[in-house]
Amino acid sequence: MSEIIDLRLFATLQKFNPASPDTFAITPGVTVRDMLEQLGVPIEKAKLIFVNGLKKDLDVALKGGERVGIFPPVGGG
């Protein structure tokens, strides 16, 4: 059984966004790390992970219904 999340990959990770990021199907219990590996996103490029607006890590498990945002390393000066 699959559930739906709203998945957004930002900046240099946008090229890995699925075709329908607002209705991305997951298997409940999948971790952010596993999901990114399935999408072909280099794990070292996923530095900031937000689930429902809260900062999380790669090993957080998703159940469905979440809003997930992933950002690459941010530079600036």
Protein backbone atom coordinates (compact mmCIF):
# COMPACT_ATOMS: atom_id res chain seq x y z
CA MET A 1 0.00 0.00 0.00
CA SER A 2 1.35 3.44 -0.86
CA GLU A 3 0.75 6.89 0.57
CA ILE A 4 1.24 10.34 -0.92
CA ILE A 5 3.66 13.09 0.14
CA ASP A 6 4.39 16.57 -1.23
CA LEU A 7 8.09 16.39 -2.15
CA ARG A 8 10.13 19.42 -3.22
CA LEU A 9 13.79 19.41 -4.14
CA PHE A 10 15.31 22.89 -4.34
CA ALA A 11 18.14 24.73 -6.13
CA THR A 12 20.63 22.32 -7.74
CA LEU A 13 18.50 19.34 -6.66
CA GLN A 14 15.48 20.44 -8.74
CA LYS A 15 16.57 18.24 -11.63
CA PHE A 16 15.74 15.21 -9.42
CA ASN A 17 12.14 16.31 -8.72
CA PRO A 18 9.66 13.60 -9.71
CA ALA A 19 7.09 14.32 -12.43
CA SER A 20 4.32 14.96 -9.90
CA PRO A 21 6.10 16.14 -6.73
CA ASP A 22 2.87 17.18 -5.00
CA THR A 23 1.50 13.64 -5.27
CA PHE A 24 4.64 11.53 -4.86
CA ALA A 25 3.82 7.96 -3.80
CA ILE A 26 5.83 6.35 -1.01
CA THR A 27 5.68 3.14 0.96
CA PRO A 28 4.86 4.01 4.60
CA GLY A 29 7.97 3.70 6.75
CA VAL A 30 10.42 4.63 3.99
CA THR A 31 13.20 6.94 5.19
CA VAL A 32 14.16 10.16 3.46
CA ARG A 33 17.54 8.54 2.70
CA ASP A 34 15.90 5.56 0.96
CA MET A 35 13.58 7.82 -1.00
CA LEU A 36 16.45 10.02 -2.22
CA GLU A 37 18.46 6.96 -3.25
CA GLN A 38 15.47 5.74 -5.29
CA LEU A 39 15.33 9.14 -7.03
CA GLY A 40 19.06 9.07 -7.79
CA VAL A 41 19.87 12.06 -5.57
CA PRO A 42 23.46 11.96 -4.27
CA ILE A 43 23.03 11.70 -0.48
CA GLU A 44 25.93 14.08 0.20
CA LYS A 45 24.04 16.78 -1.73
CA ALA A 46 21.00 16.65 0.60
CA LYS A 47 22.04 18.91 3.46
CA LEU A 48 18.83 20.49 4.76
CA ILE A 49 15.75 18.31 5.18
CA PHE A 50 12.43 19.72 6.32
CA VAL A 51 9.36 17.58 7.08
CA ASN A 52 6.21 19.61 7.72
CA GLY A 53 8.38 22.67 8.29
CA LEU A 54 10.62 21.03 10.92
CA LYS A 55 14.31 20.28 10.36
CA LYS A 56 14.91 16.53 10.27
CA ASP A 57 17.68 14.13 9.26
CA LEU A 58 18.02 11.57 6.49
CA ASP A 59 16.84 8.71 8.68
CA VAL A 60 13.39 10.10 9.50
CA ALA A 61 10.65 7.67 8.45
CA LEU A 62 7.71 8.98 6.41
CA LYS A 63 4.16 7.71 6.80
CA GLY A 64 2.29 9.73 4.17
CA GLY A 65 0.70 13.14 4.09
CA GLU A 66 3.93 15.00 4.86
CA ARG A 67 5.39 18.01 3.10
CA VAL A 68 9.08 17.29 2.49
CA GLY A 69 11.61 19.87 1.32
CA ILE A 70 15.23 19.04 0.55
CA PHE A 71 17.96 21.65 0.02
CA PRO A 72 21.58 21.28 -1.11
CA PRO A 73 24.46 22.90 0.81
CA VAL A 74 23.94 26.64 0.94
CA GLY A 75 26.82 28.99 0.28
CA GLY A 76 27.08 32.67 0.64
CA GLY A 77 29.23 35.46 1.74
